[in-house]
PDB file of N, CA and C in Angstrom:
ATOM      1  N   MET A   1      94.075  37.926  57.400  1.00  0.00           N
ATOM      2  CA  MET A   1      93.594  39.301  58.696  1.00  0.00           C
ATOM      3  C   MET A   1      92.404  39.326  57.703  1.00  0.00           C
ATOM      4  N   HIS A   2      91.652  40.013  57.264  1.00  0.00           N
ATOM      5  CA  HIS A   2      90.788  40.357  56.321  1.00  0.00           C
ATOM      6  C   HIS A   2      89.608  38.885  56.893  1.00  0.00           C
ATOM      7  N   ASP A   3      90.469  37.790  55.839  1.00  0.00           N
ATOM      8  CA  ASP A   3      89.387  36.437  56.673  1.00  0.00           C
ATOM      9  C   ASP A   3      88.727  36.491  58.540  1.00  0.00           C
ATOM     10  N   ALA A   4      90.236  36.365  58.811  1.00  0.00           N
ATOM     11  CA  ALA A   4      89.212  35.870  60.342  1.00  0.00           C
ATOM     12  C   ALA A   4      88.819  37.181  60.706  1.00  0.00           C
ATOM     13  N   LEU A   5      88.864  38.609  60.347  1.00  0.00           N
ATOM     14  CA  LEU A   5      87.958  39.489  60.770  1.00  0.00           C
ATOM     15  C   LEU A   5      86.038  39.172  60.381  1.00  0.00           C
ATOM     16  N   LEU A   6      86.274  39.324  59.175  1.00  0.00           N
ATOM     17  CA  LEU A   6      84.752  38.287  59.141  1.00  0.00           C
ATOM     18  C   LEU A   6      84.295  37.711  60.001  1.00  0.00           C
ATOM     19  N   SER A   7      85.308  36.170  59.984  1.00  0.00           N
ATOM     20  CA  SER A   7      85.038  35.326  60.283  1.00  0.00           C
ATOM     21  C   SER A   7      84.466  35.636  61.730  1.00  0.00           C
ATOM     22  N   MET A   8      84.795  36.209  62.756  1.00  0.00           N
ATOM     23  CA  MET A   8      84.579  37.168  63.398  1.00  0.00           C
ATOM     24  C   MET A   8      83.370  38.466  63.856  1.00  0.00           C
ATOM     25  N   GLY A   9      82.823  37.842  63.014  1.00  0.00           N
ATOM     26  CA  GLY A   9      81.240  38.999  62.941  1.00  0.00           C
ATOM     27  C   GLY A   9      81.457  40.780  62.642  1.00  0.00           C
ATOM     28  N   PHE A  10      82.840  40.826  62.047  1.00  0.00           N
ATOM     29  CA  PHE A  10      82.614  41.861  61.890  1.00  0.00           C
ATOM     30  C   PHE A  10      82.601  42.403  60.278  1.00  0.00           C
ATOM     31  N   THR A  11      82.152  43.734  59.843  1.00  0.00           N
ATOM     32  CA  THR A  11      81.425  43.547  58.206  1.00  0.00           C
ATOM     33  C   THR A  11      82.624  44.865  57.846  1.00  0.00           C
ATOM     34  N   PRO A  12      82.724  44.498  56.525  1.00  0.00           N
ATOM     35  CA  PRO A  12      83.543  45.425  55.500  1.00  0.00           C
ATOM     36  C   PRO A  12      82.698  46.935  55.819  1.00  0.00           C
ATOM     37  N   THR A  13      83.175  48.526  55.681  1.00  0.00           N
ATOM     38  CA  THR A  13      83.105  49.344  55.398  1.00  0.00           C
ATOM     39  C   THR A  13      83.501  50.869  54.916  1.00  0.00           C
ATOM     40  N   VAL A  14      84.262  50.958  54.921  1.00  0.00           N
ATOM     41  CA  VAL A  14      85.828  51.126  54.281  1.00  0.00           C
ATOM     42  C   VAL A  14      87.126  50.332  53.527  1.00  0.00           C
ATOM     43  N   ARG A  15      87.366  50.548  52.519  1.00  0.00           N
ATOM     44  CA  ARG A  15      88.719  50.162  52.393  1.00  0.00           C
ATOM     45  C   ARG A  15      89.280  51.499  52.360  1.00  0.00           C
ATOM     46  N   ILE A  16      90.645  51.320  53.827  1.00  0.00           N
ATOM     47  CA  ILE A  16      91.599  52.492  52.739  1.00  0.00           C
ATOM     48  C   ILE A  16      92.875  51.764  51.870  1.00  0.00           C
ATOM     49  N   ALA A  17      92.713  52.775  51.083  1.00  0.00           N
ATOM     50  CA  ALA A  17      93.664  52.744  50.170  1.00  0.00           C
ATOM     51  C   ALA A  17      95.075  53.733  50.380  1.00  0.00           C
ATOM     52  N   LYS A  18      95.944  53.319  50.645  1.00  0.00           N
ATOM     53  CA  LYS A  18      97.333  54.218  51.385  1.00  0.00           C
ATOM     54  C   LYS A  18      98.502  52.874  50.297  1.00  0.00           C
ATOM     55  N   THR A  19      99.706  54.331  50.324  1.00  0.00           N
ATOM     56  CA  THR A  19     100.736  53.900  50.174  1.00  0.00           C
ATOM     57  C   THR A  19     101.774  54.167  51.857  1.00  0.00           C
ATOM     58  N   ARG A  20     102.703  53.448  52.209  1.00  0.00           N
ATOM     59  CA  ARG A  20     103.395  53.730  53.542  1.00  0.00           C
ATOM     60  C   ARG A  20     104.596  53.465  53.324  1.00  0.00           C
ATOM     61  N   ARG A  21     105.540  54.569  53.969  1.00  0.00           N
ATOM     62  CA  ARG A  21     107.094  54.039  53.963  1.00  0.00           C
ATOM     63  C   ARG A  21     106.959  54.502  55.823  1.00  0.00           C
ATOM     64  N   THR A  22     108.430  52.892  55.439  1.00  0.00           N
ATOM     65  CA  THR A  22     107.956  53.626  56.833  1.00  0.00           C
ATOM     66  C   THR A  22     109.588  53.643  57.661  1.00  0.00           C
ATOM     67  N   GLY A  23     109.871  54.364  58.842  1.00  0.00           N
ATOM     68  CA  GLY A  23     111.697  54.430  58.999  1.00  0.00           C
ATOM     69  C   GLY A  23     111.666  54.230  60.238  1.00  0.00           C
ATOM     70  N   SER A  24     112.722  54.670  60.503  1.00  0.00           N
ATOM     71  CA  SER A  24     113.515  54.853  62.300  1.00  0.00           C
ATOM     72  C   SER A  24     114.199  56.228  62.473  1.00  0.00           C
ATOM     73  N   TRP A  25     113.825  56.594  63.190  1.00  0.00           N
ATOM     74  CA  TRP A  25     115.237  57.996  63.773  1.00  0.00           C
ATOM     75  C   TRP A  25     115.728  57.877  65.044  1.00  0.00           C
ATOM     76  N   ASP A  26     116.942  57.178  65.420  1.00  0.00           N
ATOM     77  CA  ASP A  26     116.804  57.508  66.626  1.00  0.00           C
ATOM     78  C   ASP A  26     116.390  55.911  67.463  1.00  0.00           C
ATOM     79  N   THR A  27     115.651  56.355  68.305  1.00  0.00           N
ATOM     80  CA  THR A  27     114.530  55.730  69.084  1.00  0.00           C
ATOM     81  C   THR A  27     112.939  55.487  68.551  1.00  0.00           C
ATOM     82  N   VAL A  28     112.406  56.148  67.541  1.00  0.00           N
ATOM     83  CA  VAL A  28     111.514  57.041  67.117  1.00  0.00           C
ATOM     84  C   VAL A  28     111.062  56.032  65.655  1.00  0.00           C
ATOM     85  N   THR A  29     109.969  55.824  65.900  1.00  0.00           N
ATOM     86  CA  THR A  29     109.611  54.921  64.532  1.00  0.00           C
ATOM     87  C   THR A  29     109.133  55.674  63.606  1.00  0.00           C
ATOM     88  N   LEU A  30     108.913  55.413  61.784  1.00  0.00           N
ATOM     89  CA  LEU A  30     108.312  57.040  61.517  1.00  0.00           C
ATOM     90  C   LEU A  30     107.625  56.145  60.302  1.00  0.00           C
ATOM     91  N   CYS A  31     106.192  56.610  60.373  1.00  0.00           N
ATOM     92  CA  CYS A  31     105.983  56.223  59.225  1.00  0.00           C
ATOM     93  C   CYS A  31     105.034  57.653  58.144  1.00  0.00           C
ATOM     94  N   VAL A  32     105.050  57.118  57.373  1.00  0.00           N
ATOM     95  CA  VAL A  32     104.571  58.452  55.731  1.00  0.00           C
ATOM     96  C   VAL A  32     103.195  57.440  55.094  1.00  0.00           C
ATOM     97  N   ASP A  33     102.326  57.883  55.509  1.00  0.00           N
ATOM     98  CA  ASP A  33     101.183  57.237  54.984  1.00  0.00           C
ATOM     99  C   ASP A  33     100.811  58.525  53.617  1.00  0.00           C
ATOM    100  N   VAL A  34     100.815  57.824  52.438  1.00  0.00           N
ATOM    101  CA  VAL A  34      99.844  59.181  51.039  1.00  0.00           C
ATOM    102  C   VAL A  34      98.199  57.832  50.998  1.00  0.00           C
ATOM    103  N   ALA A  35      97.853  58.519  51.851  1.00  0.00           N
ATOM    104  CA  ALA A  35      95.632  57.872  51.832  1.00  0.00           C
ATOM    105  C   ALA A  35      95.325  58.701  50.932  1.00  0.00           C
ATOM    106  N   ASP A  36      94.758  58.150  49.938  1.00  0.00           N
ATOM    107  CA  ASP A  36      93.973  58.314  48.854  1.00  0.00           C
ATOM    108  C   ASP A  36      92.871  59.118  49.387  1.00  0.00           C
ATOM    109  N   GLY A  37      92.497  60.416  48.441  1.00  0.00           N
ATOM    110  CA  GLY A  37      91.293  61.029  49.468  1.00  0.00           C
ATOM    111  C   GLY A  37      91.780  61.823  50.196  1.00  0.00           C
ATOM    112  N   LEU A  38      92.796  61.797  51.585  1.00  0.00           N
ATOM    113  CA  LEU A  38      92.533  62.286  52.834  1.00  0.00           C
ATOM    114  C   LEU A  38      94.905  63.126  52.310  1.00  0.00           C
ATOM    115  N   GLY A  39      94.738  62.648  52.159  1.00  0.00           N
ATOM    116  CA  GLY A  39      96.517  63.337  51.976  1.00  0.00           C
ATOM    117  C   GLY A  39      97.723  62.694  52.699  1.00  0.00           C
ATOM    118  N   ILE A  40      98.452  63.471  53.105  1.00  0.00           N
ATOM    119  CA  ILE A  40     100.333  62.592  53.782  1.00  0.00           C
ATOM    120  C   ILE A  40     100.315  62.623  55.247  1.00  0.00           C
ATOM    121  N   PHE A  41     100.053  62.050  55.967  1.00  0.00           N
ATOM    122  CA  PHE A  41      99.996  61.150  57.313  1.00  0.00           C
ATOM    123  C   PHE A  41     101.726  60.791  57.394  1.00  0.00           C
ATOM    124  N   LEU A  42     102.201  61.689  58.848  1.00  0.00           N
ATOM    125  CA  LEU A  42     103.556  60.785  59.059  1.00  0.00           C
ATOM    126  C   LEU A  42     102.731  60.815  60.800  1.00  0.00           C
ATOM    127  N   GLU A  43     103.460  59.125  61.010  1.00  0.00           N
ATOM    128  CA  GLU A  43     102.868  58.526  62.383  1.00  0.00           C
ATOM    129  C   GLU A  43     103.994  58.371  63.081  1.00  0.00           C
ATOM    130  N   LEU A  44     104.681  58.796  64.314  1.00  0.00           N
ATOM    131  CA  LEU A  44     105.151  58.808  65.128  1.00  0.00           C
ATOM    132  C   LEU A  44     105.236  57.803  66.055  1.00  0.00           C
ATOM    133  N   GLU A  45     106.196  57.154  66.368  1.00  0.00           N
ATOM    134  CA  GLU A  45     106.348  56.034  67.548  1.00  0.00           C
ATOM    135  C   GLU A  45     106.931  55.935  68.261  1.00  0.00           C
ATOM    136  N   THR A  46     107.385  56.068  69.552  1.00  0.00           N
ATOM    137  CA  THR A  46     108.166  55.585  70.487  1.00  0.00           C
ATOM    138  C   THR A  46     107.956  55.284  72.195  1.00  0.00           C
ATOM    139  N   MET A  47     108.860  54.536  72.592  1.00  0.00           N
ATOM    140  CA  MET A  47     108.432  54.109  74.034  1.00  0.00           C
ATOM    141  C   MET A  47     108.101  55.300  74.975  1.00  0.00           C
ATOM    142  N   ALA A  48     107.632  55.161  75.861  1.00  0.00           N
ATOM    143  CA  ALA A  48     107.573  56.297  77.101  1.00  0.00           C
ATOM    144  C   ALA A  48     109.335  55.667  78.027  1.00  0.00           C
ATOM    145  N   GLY A  49     109.375  56.621  78.440  1.00  0.00           N
ATOM    146  CA  GLY A  49     110.706  56.848  79.431  1.00  0.00           C
ATOM    147  C   GLY A  49     109.652  55.910  80.817  1.00  0.00           C
ATOM    148  N   GLU A  50     110.502  55.369  82.078  1.00  0.00           N
ATOM    149  CA  GLU A  50     109.787  53.865  83.002  1.00  0.00           C
ATOM    150  C   GLU A  50     109.195  55.329  83.448  1.00  0.00           C
ATOM    151  N   ASP A  51     109.431  56.500  83.927  1.00  0.00           N
ATOM    152  CA  ASP A  51     108.238  57.508  84.851  1.00  0.00           C
ATOM    153  C   ASP A  51     107.972  58.963  83.693  1.00  0.00           C
ATOM    154  N   GLU A  52     107.981  58.228  82.561  1.00  0.00           N
ATOM    155  CA  GLU A  52     107.579  59.382  81.781  1.00  0.00           C
ATOM    156  C   GLU A  52     105.671  59.413  81.590  1.00  0.00           C
ATOM    157  N   PRO A  53     104.543  60.101  81.112  1.00  0.00           N
ATOM    158  CA  PRO A  53     103.285  59.820  81.373  1.00  0.00           C
ATOM    159  C   PRO A  53     103.229  60.121  79.621  1.00  0.00           C
ATOM    160  N   GLY A  54     102.473  59.097  80.176  1.00  0.00           N
ATOM    161  CA  GLY A  54     102.184  59.399  77.805  1.00  0.00           C
ATOM    162  C   GLY A  54     101.997  60.559  77.657  1.00  0.00           C
ATOM    163  N   ALA A  55     101.221  61.340  78.527  1.00  0.00           N
ATOM    164  CA  ALA A  55     101.293  63.124  77.639  1.00  0.00           C
ATOM    165  C   ALA A  55     102.259  63.567  77.324  1.00  0.00           C
ATOM    166  N   ALA A  56     103.690  63.307  78.524  1.00  0.00           N
ATOM    167  CA  ALA A  56     104.483  63.880  78.040  1.00  0.00           C
ATOM    168  C   ALA A  56     105.563  63.256  76.817  1.00  0.00           C
ATOM    169  N   THR A  57     105.075  62.290  76.473  1.00  0.00           N
ATOM    170  CA  THR A  57     106.139  61.502  75.634  1.00  0.00           C
ATOM    171  C   THR A  57     105.692  61.884  74.240  1.00  0.00           C
ATOM    172  N   GLN A  58     104.001  61.918  74.381  1.00  0.00           N
ATOM    173  CA  GLN A  58     103.233  62.554  72.777  1.00  0.00           C
ATOM    174  C   GLN A  58     103.669  64.088  73.022  1.00  0.00           C
ATOM    175  N   GLU A  59     103.880  65.105  73.429  1.00  0.00           N
ATOM    176  CA  GLU A  59     104.330  66.471  73.723  1.00  0.00           C
ATOM    177  C   GLU A  59     105.572  66.332  72.966  1.00  0.00           C
ATOM    178  N   ARG A  60     106.911  64.955  73.225  1.00  0.00           N
ATOM    179  CA  ARG A  60     108.032  65.387  72.793  1.00  0.00           C
ATOM    180  C   ARG A  60     107.779  64.992  71.396  1.00  0.00           C
ATOM    181  N   LEU A  61     107.413  64.485  70.573  1.00  0.00           N
ATOM    182  CA  LEU A  61     106.784  63.750  69.667  1.00  0.00           C
ATOM    183  C   LEU A  61     106.631  64.774  69.050  1.00  0.00           C
ATOM    184  N   TYR A  62     105.423  65.337  69.191  1.00  0.00           N
ATOM    185  CA  TYR A  62     105.438  66.948  68.509  1.00  0.00           C
ATOM    186  C   TYR A  62     106.090  67.481  68.659  1.00  0.00           C
ATOM    187  N   GLU A  63     107.042  67.718  69.431  1.00  0.00           N
ATOM    188  CA  GLU A  63     108.029  69.200  69.081  1.00  0.00           C
ATOM    189  C   GLU A  63     108.739  68.547  68.350  1.00  0.00           C
ATOM    190  N   TRP A  64     109.312  67.202  68.388  1.00  0.00           N
ATOM    191  CA  TRP A  64     109.938  66.858  67.169  1.00  0.00           C
ATOM    192  C   TRP A  64     109.547  66.941  65.835  1.00  0.00           C
ATOM    193  N   ALA A  65     108.522  66.760  65.787  1.00  0.00           N
ATOM    194  CA  ALA A  65     107.617  66.340  64.490  1.00  0.00           C
ATOM    195  C   ALA A  65     108.012  68.264  64.045  1.00  0.00           C
ATOM    196  N   SER A  66     107.449  68.552  64.943  1.00  0.00           N
ATOM    197  CA  SER A  66     107.545  70.388  64.341  1.00  0.00           C
ATOM    198  C   SER A  66     108.930  71.020  64.191  1.00  0.00           C
ATOM    199  N   SER A  67     110.316  70.444  64.853  1.00  0.00           N
ATOM    200  CA  SER A  67     111.095  70.238  64.826  1.00  0.00           C
ATOM    201  C   SER A  67     111.580  70.833  63.045  1.00  0.00           C
ATOM    202  N   LEU A  68     110.670  69.954  62.535  1.00  0.00           N
ATOM    203  CA  LEU A  68     111.314  69.027  61.135  1.00  0.00           C
ATOM    204  C   LEU A  68     111.247  70.633  59.365  1.00  0.00           C
ATOM    205  N   GLY A  69     110.558  71.219  60.336  1.00  0.00           N
ATOM    206  CA  GLY A  69     110.060  72.767  59.313  1.00  0.00           C
ATOM    207  C   GLY A  69     109.002  72.802  58.454  1.00  0.00           C
ATOM    208  N   VAL A  70     107.797  71.379  58.831  1.00  0.00           N
ATOM    209  CA  VAL A  70     106.694  71.530  58.122  1.00  0.00           C
ATOM    210  C   VAL A  70     105.569  71.725  59.286  1.00  0.00           C
ATOM    211  N   ALA A  71     104.235  72.147  58.248  1.00  0.00           N
ATOM    212  CA  ALA A  71     103.394  72.478  59.354  1.00  0.00           C
ATOM    213  C   ALA A  71     102.720  71.333  59.970  1.00  0.00           C
ATOM    214  N   VAL A  72     102.896  71.603  61.310  1.00  0.00           N
ATOM    215  CA  VAL A  72     102.523  69.945  61.808  1.00  0.00           C
ATOM    216  C   VAL A  72     100.786  70.019  62.717  1.00  0.00           C
ATOM    217  N   GLU A  73     100.021  69.556  62.188  1.00  0.00           N
ATOM    218  CA  GLU A  73      98.528  69.025  63.076  1.00  0.00           C
ATOM    219  C   GLU A  73      98.638  68.219  63.632  1.00  0.00           C
ATOM    220  N   ARG A  74      98.247  67.714  64.989  1.00  0.00           N
ATOM    221  CA  ARG A  74      98.035  66.525  65.293  1.00  0.00           C
ATOM    222  C   ARG A  74      96.175  65.984  65.020  1.00  0.00           C
ATOM    223  N   VAL A  75      96.446  64.643  64.844  1.00  0.00           N
ATOM    224  CA  VAL A  75      94.899  64.045  64.479  1.00  0.00           C
ATOM    225  C   VAL A  75      95.174  62.907  65.376  1.00  0.00           C
ATOM    226  N   THR A  76      93.704  62.733  66.134  1.00  0.00           N
ATOM    227  CA  THR A  76      93.779  61.449  66.631  1.00  0.00           C
ATOM    228  C   THR A  76      92.636  60.370  65.706  1.00  0.00           C
ATOM    229  N   GLN A  77      91.973  61.147  65.262  1.00  0.00           N
ATOM    230  CA  GLN A  77      91.091  59.681  63.739  1.00  0.00           C
ATOM    231  C   GLN A  77      91.194  59.055  63.262  1.00  0.00           C
ATOM    232  N   ALA A  78      90.744  58.177  63.280  1.00  0.00           N
ATOM    233  CA  ALA A  78      91.458  56.717  61.841  1.00  0.00           C
ATOM    234  C   ALA A  78      91.108  57.452  60.500  1.00  0.00           C
ATOM    235  N   TYR A  79      92.070  56.544  59.628  1.00  0.00           N
ATOM    236  CA  TYR A  79      91.690  57.285  57.867  1.00  0.00           C
ATOM    237  C   TYR A  79      90.039  57.252  57.812  1.00  0.00           C
ATOM    238  N   ASP A  80      89.095  55.809  58.224  1.00  0.00           N
ATOM    239  CA  ASP A  80      88.153  55.925  58.050  1.00  0.00           C
ATOM    240  C   ASP A  80      87.183  56.585  58.373  1.00  0.00           C
ATOM    241  N   SER A  81      87.144  57.390  59.620  1.00  0.00           N
ATOM    242  CA  SER A  81      86.135  58.696  60.616  1.00  0.00           C
ATOM    243  C   SER A  81      86.831  59.358  59.304  1.00  0.00           C
ATOM    244  N   LEU A  82      88.181  59.505  58.977  1.00  0.00           N
ATOM    245  CA  LEU A  82      88.525  61.292  58.572  1.00  0.00           C
ATOM    246  C   LEU A  82      87.814  61.523  57.035  1.00  0.00           C
ATOM    247  N   LEU A  83      88.403  59.903  56.514  1.00  0.00           N
ATOM    248  CA  LEU A  83      87.042  60.139  55.518  1.00  0.00           C
ATOM    249  C   LEU A  83      85.873  60.077  55.267  1.00  0.00           C
ATOM    250  N   ARG A  84      84.983  59.581  56.596  1.00  0.00           N
ATOM    251  CA  ARG A  84      83.635  60.018  56.507  1.00  0.00           C
ATOM    252  C   ARG A  84      83.201  61.403  56.462  1.00  0.00           C
ATOM    253  N   ASP A  85      84.622  62.087  57.425  1.00  0.00           N
ATOM    254  CA  ASP A  85      83.661  63.467  58.106  1.00  0.00           C
ATOM    255  C   ASP A  85      84.084  64.892  57.017  1.00  0.00           C
ATOM    256  N   ALA A  86      85.537  64.076  55.951  1.00  0.00           N
ATOM    257  CA  ALA A  86      85.256  65.028  54.498  1.00  0.00           C
ATOM    258  C   ALA A  86      84.269  64.661  53.661  1.00  0.00           C
ATOM    259  N   GLY A  87      83.776  63.893  53.752  1.00  0.00           N
ATOM    260  CA  GLY A  87      82.598  63.657  52.688  1.00  0.00           C
ATOM    261  C   GLY A  87      83.304  62.559  51.179  1.00  0.00           C
ATOM    262  N   VAL A  88      84.221  62.596  51.610  1.00  0.00           N
ATOM    263  CA  VAL A  88      84.373  61.588  49.954  1.00  0.00           C
ATOM    264  C   VAL A  88      83.859  60.850  49.628  1.00  0.00           C
ATOM    265  N   PRO A  89      83.302  60.200  48.120  1.00  0.00           N
ATOM    266  CA  PRO A  89      82.626  59.569  48.069  1.00  0.00           C
ATOM    267  C   PRO A  89      82.668  58.847  48.030  1.00  0.00           C
ATOM    268  N   ALA A  90      81.887  57.497  48.211  1.00  0.00           N
ATOM    269  CA  ALA A  90      82.268  56.214  47.869  1.00  0.00           C
ATOM    270  C   ALA A  90      83.434  55.204  47.127  1.00  0.00           C
ATOM    271  N   SER A  91      82.893  56.437  45.802  1.00  0.00           N
ATOM    272  CA  SER A  91      83.787  55.606  44.481  1.00  0.00           C
ATOM    273  C   SER A  91      85.327  56.114  44.514  1.00  0.00           C
ATOM    274  N   VAL A  92      85.368  57.268  45.823  1.00  0.00           N
ATOM    275  CA  VAL A  92      87.323  57.629  46.157  1.00  0.00           C
ATOM    276  C   VAL A  92      87.782  56.705  47.416  1.00  0.00           C
ATOM    277  N   ALA A  93      86.697  56.668  48.165  1.00  0.00           N
ATOM    278  CA  ALA A  93      87.250  56.485  49.383  1.00  0.00           C
ATOM    279  C   ALA A  93      87.061  54.405  48.932  1.00  0.00           C
ATOM    280  N   GLY A  94      86.298  54.016  48.385  1.00  0.00           N
ATOM    281  CA  GLY A  94      86.355  52.638  48.000  1.00  0.00           C
ATOM    282  C   GLY A  94      85.560  51.855  48.728  1.00  0.00           C
ATOM    283  N   VAL A  95      84.883  52.313  49.304  1.00  0.00           N
ATOM    284  CA  VAL A  95      83.401  51.439  50.365  1.00  0.00           C
ATOM    285  C   VAL A  95      83.035  50.689  49.761  1.00  0.00           C
ATOM    286  N   SER A  96      82.708  49.491  50.549  1.00  0.00           N
ATOM    287  CA  SER A  96      82.787  47.811  50.060  1.00  0.00           C
ATOM    288  C   SER A  96      81.481  47.595  50.832  1.00  0.00           C
ATOM    289  N   CYS A  97      81.205  47.563  51.592  1.00  0.00           N
ATOM    290  CA  CYS A  97      79.550  47.081  51.974  1.00  0.00           C
ATOM    291  C   CYS A  97      79.449  47.858  53.297  1.00  0.00           C
ATOM    292  N   ARG A  98      77.949  48.533  53.691  1.00  0.00           N
ATOM    293  CA  ARG A  98      77.679  48.300  55.255  1.00  0.00           C
ATOM    294  C   ARG A  98      76.574  47.735  55.454  1.00  0.00           C
ATOM    295  N   SER A  99      76.065  47.536  56.785  1.00  0.00           N
ATOM    296  CA  SER A  99      75.053  46.482  56.766  1.00  0.00           C
ATOM    297  C   SER A  99      75.272  47.460  58.513  1.00  0.00           C
ATOM    298  N   GLY A 100      74.760  46.677  58.888  1.00  0.00           N
ATOM    299  CA  GLY A 100      73.230  47.241  60.625  1.00  0.00           C
ATOM    300  C   GLY A 100      74.300  46.899  61.359  1.00  0.00           C
ATOM    301  N   ALA A 101      74.711  46.150  61.255  1.00  0.00           N
ATOM    302  CA  ALA A 101      76.687  45.617  62.187  1.00  0.00           C
ATOM    303  C   ALA A 101      76.764  46.831  62.884  1.00  0.00           C
ATOM    304  N   SER A 102      77.127  46.446  64.137  1.00  0.00           N
ATOM    305  CA  SER A 102      77.893  47.521  65.019  1.00  0.00           C
ATOM    306  C   SER A 102      79.409  47.411  64.898  1.00  0.00           C
ATOM    307  N   LYS A 103      79.705  46.893  64.890  1.00  0.00           N
ATOM    308  CA  LYS A 103      81.682  45.779  64.594  1.00  0.00           C
ATOM    309  C   LYS A 103      82.366  46.827  63.327  1.00  0.00           C
ATOM    310  N   ARG A 104      83.172  47.277  63.324  1.00  0.00           N
ATOM    311  CA  ARG A 104      83.252  47.542  62.457  1.00  0.00           C
ATOM    312  C   ARG A 104      85.347  47.195  62.144  1.00  0.00           C
ATOM    313  N   SER A 105      85.379  47.491  60.751  1.00  0.00           N
ATOM    314  CA  SER A 105      86.995  46.438  60.594  1.00  0.00           C
ATOM    315  C   SER A 105      88.234  47.342  59.668  1.00  0.00           C
ATOM    316  N   GLY A 106      88.996  47.298  60.864  1.00  0.00           N
ATOM    317  CA  GLY A 106      90.133  49.218  59.742  1.00  0.00           C
ATOM    318  C   GLY A 106      91.425  49.291  60.210  1.00  0.00           C
TER     319      GLY A 106
END
């Protein structure tokens, strides 16, 4: 995949180091990520009902996650943006290179 992105003109900017565990519960797919320099993230995915707006599906997943008894904060940024915003040093984030290119991989 990395080579394919390079051949399309994308330039690596940040290497995300993470460990991922996956599972499912009923119709929900769960991914638990431990991202170096950021912490632990729970990603939830499910299909929206035919007549269910996306926002209602997101709210349903948020309520389900909140019912687990742990603090929940919804995050919409990608890991690379979170690392930059947190000011994580390049040596921790694994920044491999930057250029003037406007395309990003990640």
